Amino acid sequence: MHSTEKVIAITGASSGLGYAAVQLFAQKGWMVYAAARRLEKIPTGKNISMLKLDVTDSQSNQDFIRQIVSQSGRIDTLLNNAGYPEFGPAEEVSMANVRREYETNFFGAVELTQLVLPQMRKQGRGRILNVSSLVGNSYLPLGAYYNSTKAALQQWSDVLDLEVRPFGVRSIIIQPGDTETGFNAVWREKVRKNLTENSIYRSLVEGIEKMGNRPGTVSASADELAQVFYKAATDKKVKLRYYNSWRDRAWVAFSRKHPGLYHFLLTKAVARFCK
């Protein structure tokens, strides 16, 4: 017998935003299918079903969606949260790492969405929540490939929303700013690994790390972002974009409306910190 609870599938559920989202949706009474490569790191408890998933593996994606539909009979929301920051100088990040970044951050979300849409159309409702970033509209040095995956995700999501809205399905972007998760540690680690021996970009890396260490650069906790995810999943009047704070919204608005000025100010900031 299929569950009458609302059902959400969450990728990247083993840490950070995904981990917090699993806990919140389960507390709210949703049936949560929490997915990650490492099951032992996913939170446990009532309303949580853990499933192994590698979003870069097509068979894994197919098995994930098939199992949820088989057990619950529907999927109300898909939270495309899996992703990581492959940071480093654009010249020096290997093509293998670039491809892995796109497979994880973009193509994984695309395939899972393609797999879940037939069920959502059948239901006559559903929501696809795509976790982007402020850098989906702006950018920072060393983030060329991470930034561009988020920009691609946003364009794709907006087009998708136009196509699936007549069927009662919505595609939504959430744009977090810097958060209190392990993200900053990961991008710093990736930068160091991607630097070539005797790299000419070492002073740039050191300067960008200084910029990231300034007080006040973190805008939200993972729990606060989980609340944003929940709002996006339950709002009666759906928005195309969800932000955690007015500052995040203002950052995006400024970078979109004043691209030349944004680039000029960022150039000045980089020069200052990279002395």
C-alpha atoms as a PDB file:
ATOM      1  CA  MET A   1       0.000   0.000   0.000  1.00  0.00           C
ATOM      2  CA  HIS A   2       1.405   3.361  -0.983  1.00  0.00           C
ATOM      3  CA  SER A   3       2.009   6.122   1.564  1.00  0.00           C
ATOM      4  CA  THR A   4      -0.341   9.104   1.828  1.00  0.00           C
ATOM      5  CA  GLU A   5       2.465  11.302   3.180  1.00  0.00           C
ATOM      6  CA  LYS A   6       4.114  13.854   0.929  1.00  0.00           C
ATOM      7  CA  VAL A   7       7.267  12.424  -0.623  1.00  0.00           C
ATOM      8  CA  ILE A   8      10.562  14.184  -1.276  1.00  0.00           C
ATOM      9  CA  ALA A   9      13.759  12.842  -2.838  1.00  0.00           C
ATOM     10  CA  ILE A  10      16.905  14.626  -1.642  1.00  0.00           C
ATOM     11  CA  THR A  11      20.328  14.186  -3.235  1.00  0.00           C
ATOM     12  CA  GLY A  12      23.576  15.081  -1.498  1.00  0.00           C
ATOM     13  CA  ALA A  13      21.954  14.111   1.813  1.00  0.00           C
ATOM     14  CA  SER A  14      25.100  13.127   3.704  1.00  0.00           C
ATOM     15  CA  SER A  15      26.308  16.607   4.676  1.00  0.00           C
ATOM     16  CA  GLY A  16      25.629  20.319   4.754  1.00  0.00           C
ATOM     17  CA  LEU A  17      22.422  21.610   3.215  1.00  0.00           C
ATOM     18  CA  GLY A  18      21.169  18.187   2.191  1.00  0.00           C
ATOM     19  CA  TYR A  19      21.664  16.752   5.674  1.00  0.00           C
ATOM     20  CA  ALA A  20      19.743  19.633   7.258  1.00  0.00           C
ATOM     21  CA  ALA A  21      16.971  19.348   4.658  1.00  0.00           C
ATOM     22  CA  VAL A  22      16.495  15.643   5.392  1.00  0.00           C
ATOM     23  CA  GLN A  23      16.024  16.376   9.081  1.00  0.00           C
ATOM     24  CA  LEU A  24      13.600  19.262   8.542  1.00  0.00           C
ATOM     25  CA  PHE A  25      11.333  17.582   5.996  1.00  0.00           C
ATOM     26  CA  ALA A  26      11.195  14.428   8.130  1.00  0.00           C
ATOM     27  CA  GLN A  27      10.238  16.515  11.173  1.00  0.00           C
ATOM     28  CA  LYS A  28       7.481  18.135   9.098  1.00  0.00           C
ATOM     29  CA  GLY A  29       5.991  14.702   8.405  1.00  0.00           C
ATOM     30  CA  TRP A  30       7.222  14.165   4.869  1.00  0.00           C
ATOM     31  CA  MET A  31       8.468  10.784   3.698  1.00  0.00           C
ATOM     32  CA  VAL A  32      12.086  11.556   2.890  1.00  0.00           C
ATOM     33  CA  TYR A  33      14.197   9.481   0.503  1.00  0.00           C
ATOM     34  CA  ALA A  34      17.688  10.634   1.401  1.00  0.00           C
ATOM     35  CA  ALA A  35      20.388   9.794  -1.098  1.00  0.00           C
ATOM     36  CA  ALA A  36      24.178   9.925  -1.100  1.00  0.00           C
ATOM     37  CA  ARG A  37      27.166   7.798  -1.980  1.00  0.00           C
ATOM     38  CA  ARG A  38      27.956   7.224   1.710  1.00  0.00           C
ATOM     39  CA  LEU A  39      24.883   5.922   3.511  1.00  0.00           C
ATOM     40  CA  GLU A  40      26.537   5.974   6.924  1.00  0.00           C
ATOM     41  CA  LYS A  41      26.626   9.785   6.855  1.00  0.00           C
ATOM     42  CA  ILE A  42      22.915  10.296   6.147  1.00  0.00           C
ATOM     43  CA  PRO A  43      20.771  11.224   9.180  1.00  0.00           C
ATOM     44  CA  THR A  44      18.502   8.482  10.495  1.00  0.00           C
ATOM     45  CA  GLY A  45      15.096   8.618  12.127  1.00  0.00           C
ATOM     46  CA  LYS A  46      11.369   8.481  11.551  1.00  0.00           C
ATOM     47  CA  ASN A  47      10.217   9.169   7.960  1.00  0.00           C
ATOM     48  CA  ILE A  48      13.745   8.798   6.548  1.00  0.00           C
ATOM     49  CA  SER A  49      14.646   6.123   4.015  1.00  0.00           C
ATOM     50  CA  MET A  50      18.304   6.009   3.006  1.00  0.00           C
ATOM     51  CA  LEU A  51      19.236   5.118  -0.566  1.00  0.00           C
ATOM     52  CA  LYS A  52      22.662   4.856  -2.150  1.00  0.00           C
ATOM     53  CA  LEU A  53      23.094   7.179  -5.120  1.00  0.00           C
ATOM     54  CA  ASP A  54      25.875   8.345  -7.383  1.00  0.00           C
ATOM     55  CA  VAL A  55      24.387  11.124  -9.531  1.00  0.00           C
ATOM     56  CA  THR A  56      27.150  10.665 -12.121  1.00  0.00           C
ATOM     57  CA  ASP A  57      26.009   7.082 -12.754  1.00  0.00           C
ATOM     58  CA  SER A  58      22.968   6.711 -15.019  1.00  0.00           C
ATOM     59  CA  GLN A  59      21.964   3.291 -13.703  1.00  0.00           C
ATOM     60  CA  SER A  60      22.175   4.550 -10.133  1.00  0.00           C
ATOM     61  CA  ASN A  61      19.888   7.462 -11.007  1.00  0.00           C
ATOM     62  CA  GLN A  62      17.358   5.167 -12.661  1.00  0.00           C
ATOM     63  CA  ASP A  63      17.335   2.758  -9.724  1.00  0.00           C
ATOM     64  CA  PHE A  64      16.883   5.637  -7.266  1.00  0.00           C
ATOM     65  CA  ILE A  65      13.752   7.050  -8.899  1.00  0.00           C
ATOM     66  CA  ARG A  66      12.322   3.609  -9.678  1.00  0.00           C
ATOM     67  CA  GLN A  67      12.622   2.504  -6.070  1.00  0.00           C
ATOM     68  CA  ILE A  68      10.893   5.604  -4.717  1.00  0.00           C
ATOM     69  CA  VAL A  69       7.974   5.321  -7.137  1.00  0.00           C
ATOM     70  CA  SER A  70       7.670   1.603  -6.423  1.00  0.00           C
ATOM     71  CA  GLN A  71       7.540   2.133  -2.657  1.00  0.00           C
ATOM     72  CA  SER A  72       5.534   5.361  -2.398  1.00  0.00           C
ATOM     73  CA  GLY A  73       3.605   5.562  -5.633  1.00  0.00           C
ATOM     74  CA  ARG A  74       4.594   9.167  -6.217  1.00  0.00           C
ATOM     75  CA  ILE A  75       7.224  11.872  -5.757  1.00  0.00           C
ATOM     76  CA  ASP A  76       5.983  15.320  -4.775  1.00  0.00           C
ATOM     77  CA  THR A  77       9.362  17.071  -4.737  1.00  0.00           C
ATOM     78  CA  LEU A  78      12.847  16.396  -6.058  1.00  0.00           C
ATOM     79  CA  LEU A  79      15.595  18.397  -4.339  1.00  0.00           C
ATOM     80  CA  ASN A  80      18.630  18.466  -6.636  1.00  0.00           C
ATOM     81  CA  ASN A  81      21.220  19.312  -4.014  1.00  0.00           C
ATOM     82  CA  ALA A  82      24.214  17.108  -4.863  1.00  0.00           C
ATOM     83  CA  GLY A  83      27.263  19.098  -5.890  1.00  0.00           C
ATOM     84  CA  TYR A  84      30.752  20.212  -4.949  1.00  0.00           C
ATOM     85  CA  PRO A  85      33.166  23.081  -5.766  1.00  0.00           C
ATOM     86  CA  GLU A  86      35.949  22.108  -8.172  1.00  0.00           C
ATOM     87  CA  PHE A  87      37.910  25.318  -7.615  1.00  0.00           C
ATOM     88  CA  GLY A  88      41.239  26.278  -9.081  1.00  0.00           C
ATOM     89  CA  PRO A  89      42.758  28.476 -11.807  1.00  0.00           C
ATOM     90  CA  ALA A  90      40.789  27.975 -15.026  1.00  0.00           C
ATOM     91  CA  GLU A  91      44.026  27.213 -16.877  1.00  0.00           C
ATOM     92  CA  GLU A  92      45.165  24.518 -14.474  1.00  0.00           C
ATOM     93  CA  VAL A  93      42.081  22.467 -13.570  1.00  0.00           C
ATOM     94  CA  SER A  94      42.335  19.220 -15.532  1.00  0.00           C
ATOM     95  CA  MET A  95      39.679  18.400 -18.091  1.00  0.00           C
ATOM     96  CA  ALA A  96      38.899  15.223 -16.165  1.00  0.00           C
ATOM     97  CA  ASN A  97      38.032  17.352 -13.131  1.00  0.00           C
ATOM     98  CA  VAL A  98      36.031  19.797 -15.244  1.00  0.00           C
ATOM     99  CA  ARG A  99      33.945  16.946 -16.660  1.00  0.00           C
ATOM    100  CA  ARG A 100      33.425  15.447 -13.206  1.00  0.00           C
ATOM    101  CA  GLU A 101      32.209  18.832 -11.940  1.00  0.00           C
ATOM    102  CA  TYR A 102      29.622  19.081 -14.709  1.00  0.00           C
ATOM    103  CA  GLU A 103      28.528  15.468 -14.319  1.00  0.00           C
ATOM    104  CA  THR A 104      27.895  16.026 -10.605  1.00  0.00           C
ATOM    105  CA  ASN A 105      26.554  19.568 -10.464  1.00  0.00           C
ATOM    106  CA  PHE A 106      24.577  19.741 -13.687  1.00  0.00           C
ATOM    107  CA  PHE A 107      24.074  16.538 -15.656  1.00  0.00           C
ATOM    108  CA  GLY A 108      23.103  14.558 -12.555  1.00  0.00           C
ATOM    109  CA  ALA A 109      20.283  17.002 -11.826  1.00  0.00           C
ATOM    110  CA  VAL A 110      19.197  16.945 -15.463  1.00  0.00           C
ATOM    111  CA  GLU A 111      18.955  13.160 -15.626  1.00  0.00           C
ATOM    112  CA  LEU A 112      17.151  12.774 -12.294  1.00  0.00           C
ATOM    113  CA  THR A 113      14.647  15.390 -13.411  1.00  0.00           C
ATOM    114  CA  GLN A 114      14.061  13.639 -16.725  1.00  0.00           C
ATOM    115  CA  LEU A 115      13.426  10.428 -14.812  1.00  0.00           C
ATOM    116  CA  VAL A 116      10.983  11.946 -12.312  1.00  0.00           C
ATOM    117  CA  LEU A 117       8.941  14.110 -14.683  1.00  0.00           C
ATOM    118  CA  PRO A 118       6.751  11.321 -16.121  1.00  0.00           C
ATOM    119  CA  GLN A 119       5.576  10.472 -12.603  1.00  0.00           C
ATOM    120  CA  MET A 120       4.957  14.135 -11.725  1.00  0.00           C
ATOM    121  CA  ARG A 121       2.980  14.690 -14.923  1.00  0.00           C
ATOM    122  CA  LYS A 122       0.918  11.623 -14.117  1.00  0.00           C
ATOM    123  CA  GLN A 123       0.201  13.074 -10.666  1.00  0.00           C
ATOM    124  CA  GLY A 124      -0.637  16.464 -12.149  1.00  0.00           C
ATOM    125  CA  ARG A 125       1.724  18.175  -9.715  1.00  0.00           C
ATOM    126  CA  GLY A 126       5.312  18.249  -8.510  1.00  0.00           C
ATOM    127  CA  ARG A 127       8.231  20.523  -7.786  1.00  0.00           C
ATOM    128  CA  ILE A 128      11.854  20.355  -8.869  1.00  0.00           C
ATOM    129  CA  LEU A 129      14.061  22.312  -6.461  1.00  0.00           C
ATOM    130  CA  ASN A 130      17.486  23.072  -7.895  1.00  0.00           C
ATOM    131  CA  VAL A 131      20.181  24.295  -5.523  1.00  0.00           C
ATOM    132  CA  SER A 132      22.261  26.904  -7.308  1.00  0.00           C
ATOM    133  CA  SER A 133      24.331  29.681  -5.722  1.00  0.00           C
ATOM    134  CA  LEU A 134      24.767  33.430  -5.821  1.00  0.00           C
ATOM    135  CA  VAL A 135      27.567  32.753  -8.302  1.00  0.00           C
ATOM    136  CA  GLY A 136      24.982  31.442 -10.741  1.00  0.00           C
ATOM    137  CA  ASN A 137      24.567  35.127 -11.590  1.00  0.00           C
ATOM    138  CA  SER A 138      27.882  36.523 -10.431  1.00  0.00           C
ATOM    139  CA  TYR A 139      31.347  34.965 -10.242  1.00  0.00           C
ATOM    140  CA  LEU A 140      34.567  34.850  -8.280  1.00  0.00           C
ATOM    141  CA  PRO A 141      38.145  34.016  -9.319  1.00  0.00           C
ATOM    142  CA  LEU A 142      39.112  30.323  -9.091  1.00  0.00           C
ATOM    143  CA  GLY A 143      35.477  29.270  -9.464  1.00  0.00           C
ATOM    144  CA  ALA A 144      35.164  29.224 -13.254  1.00  0.00           C
ATOM    145  CA  TYR A 145      33.837  25.676 -13.445  1.00  0.00           C
ATOM    146  CA  TYR A 146      31.702  25.674 -10.311  1.00  0.00           C
ATOM    147  CA  ASN A 147      30.243  29.083 -11.240  1.00  0.00           C
ATOM    148  CA  SER A 148      29.445  27.966 -14.769  1.00  0.00           C
ATOM    149  CA  THR A 149      27.672  24.776 -13.622  1.00  0.00           C
ATOM    150  CA  LYS A 150      25.379  26.922 -11.482  1.00  0.00           C
ATOM    151  CA  ALA A 151      24.733  29.361 -14.331  1.00  0.00           C
ATOM    152  CA  ALA A 152      23.861  26.408 -16.575  1.00  0.00           C
ATOM    153  CA  LEU A 153      21.568  24.969 -13.903  1.00  0.00           C
ATOM    154  CA  GLN A 154      19.658  28.241 -13.680  1.00  0.00           C
ATOM    155  CA  GLN A 155      19.135  28.657 -17.420  1.00  0.00           C
ATOM    156  CA  TRP A 156      18.056  25.047 -17.734  1.00  0.00           C
ATOM    157  CA  SER A 157      15.684  25.326 -14.763  1.00  0.00           C
ATOM    158  CA  ASP A 158      13.979  28.438 -16.132  1.00  0.00           C
ATOM    159  CA  VAL A 159      13.426  26.854 -19.540  1.00  0.00           C
ATOM    160  CA  LEU A 160      12.203  23.660 -17.888  1.00  0.00           C
ATOM    161  CA  ASP A 161       9.678  25.609 -15.817  1.00  0.00           C
ATOM    162  CA  LEU A 162       8.140  27.061 -18.963  1.00  0.00           C
ATOM    163  CA  GLU A 163       7.821  23.601 -20.472  1.00  0.00           C
ATOM    164  CA  VAL A 164       6.398  21.681 -17.494  1.00  0.00           C
ATOM    165  CA  ARG A 165       4.214  24.328 -15.846  1.00  0.00           C
ATOM    166  CA  PRO A 166       1.168  23.389 -17.965  1.00  0.00           C
ATOM    167  CA  PHE A 167       1.307  19.928 -16.350  1.00  0.00           C
ATOM    168  CA  GLY A 168       1.211  21.276 -12.791  1.00  0.00           C
ATOM    169  CA  VAL A 169       4.962  20.899 -12.294  1.00  0.00           C
ATOM    170  CA  ARG A 170       7.313  23.730 -11.314  1.00  0.00           C
ATOM    171  CA  SER A 171      11.091  24.043 -11.592  1.00  0.00           C
ATOM    172  CA  ILE A 172      12.582  26.370  -8.985  1.00  0.00           C
ATOM    173  CA  ILE A 173      16.030  27.771  -8.215  1.00  0.00           C
ATOM    174  CA  ILE A 174      17.349  28.318  -4.683  1.00  0.00           C
ATOM    175  CA  GLN A 175      20.381  30.612  -4.503  1.00  0.00           C
ATOM    176  CA  PRO A 176      22.283  30.337  -1.216  1.00  0.00           C
ATOM    177  CA  GLY A 177      25.122  32.634  -0.307  1.00  0.00           C
ATOM    178  CA  ASP A 178      28.074  31.483   1.754  1.00  0.00           C
ATOM    179  CA  THR A 179      26.917  29.042   4.426  1.00  0.00           C
ATOM    180  CA  GLU A 180      28.198  27.465   7.628  1.00  0.00           C
ATOM    181  CA  THR A 181      28.943  24.090   6.051  1.00  0.00           C
ATOM    182  CA  GLY A 182      32.087  22.309   4.909  1.00  0.00           C
ATOM    183  CA  PHE A 183      31.926  24.079   1.541  1.00  0.00           C
ATOM    184  CA  ASN A 184      34.715  26.562   2.252  1.00  0.00           C
ATOM    185  CA  ALA A 185      37.093  23.853   3.413  1.00  0.00           C
ATOM    186  CA  VAL A 186      36.354  21.800   0.295  1.00  0.00           C
ATOM    187  CA  TRP A 187      36.976  24.597  -2.201  1.00  0.00           C
ATOM    188  CA  ARG A 188      40.258  25.482  -0.505  1.00  0.00           C
ATOM    189  CA  GLU A 189      41.347  21.858  -0.656  1.00  0.00           C
ATOM    190  CA  LYS A 190      40.383  21.609  -4.326  1.00  0.00           C
ATOM    191  CA  VAL A 191      42.302  24.776  -5.193  1.00  0.00           C
ATOM    192  CA  ARG A 192      45.487  23.401  -3.678  1.00  0.00           C
ATOM    193  CA  LYS A 193      45.100  20.069  -5.441  1.00  0.00           C
ATOM    194  CA  ASN A 194      44.463  21.734  -8.795  1.00  0.00           C
ATOM    195  CA  LEU A 195      47.462  24.074  -8.622  1.00  0.00           C
ATOM    196  CA  THR A 196      50.293  22.877 -10.818  1.00  0.00           C
ATOM    197  CA  GLU A 197      53.868  22.794  -9.578  1.00  0.00           C
ATOM    198  CA  ASN A 198      55.394  26.293  -9.718  1.00  0.00           C
ATOM    199  CA  SER A 199      51.969  27.729 -10.565  1.00  0.00           C
ATOM    200  CA  ILE A 200      51.946  31.406 -11.497  1.00  0.00           C
ATOM    201  CA  TYR A 201      48.565  31.686  -9.737  1.00  0.00           C
ATOM    202  CA  ARG A 202      49.726  31.113  -6.158  1.00  0.00           C
ATOM    203  CA  SER A 203      49.499  34.790  -5.219  1.00  0.00           C
ATOM    204  CA  LEU A 204      45.963  34.901  -6.626  1.00  0.00           C
ATOM    205  CA  VAL A 205      44.996  31.851  -4.550  1.00  0.00           C
ATOM    206  CA  GLU A 206      46.412  33.388  -1.384  1.00  0.00           C
ATOM    207  CA  GLY A 207      44.552  36.634  -2.056  1.00  0.00           C
ATOM    208  CA  ILE A 208      41.215  34.927  -2.684  1.00  0.00           C
ATOM    209  CA  GLU A 209      41.642  32.906   0.504  1.00  0.00           C
ATOM    210  CA  LYS A 210      42.156  36.177   2.405  1.00  0.00           C
ATOM    211  CA  MET A 211      38.970  37.567   0.882  1.00  0.00           C
ATOM    212  CA  GLY A 212      37.079  34.479   2.008  1.00  0.00           C
ATOM    213  CA  ASN A 213      38.413  34.777   5.563  1.00  0.00           C
ATOM    214  CA  ARG A 214      36.943  38.235   6.180  1.00  0.00           C
ATOM    215  CA  PRO A 215      34.389  38.534   9.012  1.00  0.00           C
ATOM    216  CA  GLY A 216      30.785  38.532   7.881  1.00  0.00           C
ATOM    217  CA  THR A 217      31.281  36.531   4.684  1.00  0.00           C
ATOM    218  CA  VAL A 218      29.034  33.677   5.919  1.00  0.00           C
ATOM    219  CA  SER A 219      25.379  34.557   5.449  1.00  0.00           C
ATOM    220  CA  ALA A 220      23.435  31.529   6.729  1.00  0.00           C
ATOM    221  CA  SER A 221      23.468  28.216   8.535  1.00  0.00           C
ATOM    222  CA  ALA A 222      22.486  24.930   6.896  1.00  0.00           C
ATOM    223  CA  ASP A 223      19.341  24.852   9.052  1.00  0.00           C
ATOM    224  CA  GLU A 224      18.303  28.286   7.777  1.00  0.00           C
ATOM    225  CA  LEU A 225      18.724  27.154   4.177  1.00  0.00           C
ATOM    226  CA  ALA A 226      16.700  24.027   4.902  1.00  0.00           C
ATOM    227  CA  GLN A 227      13.846  26.336   5.894  1.00  0.00           C
ATOM    228  CA  VAL A 228      14.192  28.053   2.501  1.00  0.00           C
ATOM    229  CA  PHE A 229      13.982  24.650   0.782  1.00  0.00           C
ATOM    230  CA  TYR A 230      10.834  23.848   2.742  1.00  0.00           C
ATOM    231  CA  LYS A 231       9.246  27.154   1.785  1.00  0.00           C
ATOM    232  CA  ALA A 232      10.039  26.517  -1.885  1.00  0.00           C
ATOM    233  CA  ALA A 233       8.441  23.077  -1.615  1.00  0.00           C
ATOM    234  CA  THR A 234       5.261  24.270   0.083  1.00  0.00           C
ATOM    235  CA  ASP A 235       4.547  27.857  -1.032  1.00  0.00           C
ATOM    236  CA  LYS A 236       1.107  28.197  -2.584  1.00  0.00           C
ATOM    237  CA  LYS A 237       2.406  30.987  -4.804  1.00  0.00           C
ATOM    238  CA  VAL A 238       5.599  29.613  -6.285  1.00  0.00           C
ATOM    239  CA  LYS A 239       8.562  31.869  -7.089  1.00  0.00           C
ATOM    240  CA  LEU A 240      11.247  31.209  -9.681  1.00  0.00           C
ATOM    241  CA  ARG A 241      13.977  32.192  -7.178  1.00  0.00           C
ATOM    242  CA  TYR A 242      14.349  31.725  -3.434  1.00  0.00           C
ATOM    243  CA  TYR A 243      16.939  33.470  -1.271  1.00  0.00           C
ATOM    244  CA  ASN A 244      17.808  33.262   2.398  1.00  0.00           C
ATOM    245  CA  SER A 245      18.290  36.995   2.978  1.00  0.00           C
ATOM    246  CA  TRP A 246      17.851  40.433   1.470  1.00  0.00           C
ATOM    247  CA  ARG A 247      21.635  40.617   1.149  1.00  0.00           C
ATOM    248  CA  ASP A 248      21.713  37.537  -1.073  1.00  0.00           C
ATOM    249  CA  ARG A 249      18.898  38.942  -3.213  1.00  0.00           C
ATOM    250  CA  ALA A 250      20.676  42.306  -3.467  1.00  0.00           C
ATOM    251  CA  TRP A 251      23.958  40.645  -4.500  1.00  0.00           C
ATOM    252  CA  VAL A 252      22.241  38.895  -7.394  1.00  0.00           C
ATOM    253  CA  ALA A 253      20.302  42.003  -8.433  1.00  0.00           C
ATOM    254  CA  PHE A 254      23.439  44.147  -8.445  1.00  0.00           C
ATOM    255  CA  SER A 255      25.557  41.696 -10.431  1.00  0.00           C
ATOM    256  CA  ARG A 256      22.785  41.257 -13.024  1.00  0.00           C
ATOM    257  CA  LYS A 257      21.920  44.932 -13.445  1.00  0.00           C
ATOM    258  CA  HIS A 258      25.474  46.287 -13.315  1.00  0.00           C
ATOM    259  CA  PRO A 259      27.790  43.636 -14.822  1.00  0.00           C
ATOM    260  CA  GLY A 260      30.466  46.156 -15.800  1.00  0.00           C
ATOM    261  CA  LEU A 261      30.541  47.787 -12.383  1.00  0.00           C
ATOM    262  CA  TYR A 262      30.532  44.384 -10.668  1.00  0.00           C
ATOM    263  CA  HIS A 263      33.548  43.315 -12.714  1.00  0.00           C
ATOM    264  CA  PHE A 264      35.342  46.593 -12.014  1.00  0.00           C
ATOM    265  CA  LEU A 265      34.807  46.354  -8.244  1.00  0.00           C
ATOM    266  CA  LEU A 266      35.848  42.709  -8.176  1.00  0.00           C
ATOM    267  CA  THR A 267      38.984  43.537 -10.146  1.00  0.00           C
ATOM    268  CA  LYS A 268      39.857  46.179  -7.556  1.00  0.00           C
ATOM    269  CA  ALA A 269      39.200  43.802  -4.668  1.00  0.00           C
ATOM    270  CA  VAL A 270      41.348  41.069  -6.199  1.00  0.00           C
ATOM    271  CA  ALA A 271      44.191  43.523  -6.786  1.00  0.00           C
ATOM    272  CA  ARG A 272      43.971  44.693  -3.163  1.00  0.00           C
ATOM    273  CA  PHE A 273      44.043  41.234  -1.601  1.00  0.00           C
ATOM    274  CA  CYS A 274      46.585  39.753  -4.008  1.00  0.00           C
ATOM    275  CA  LYS A 275      49.353  42.293  -3.325  1.00  0.00           C
END
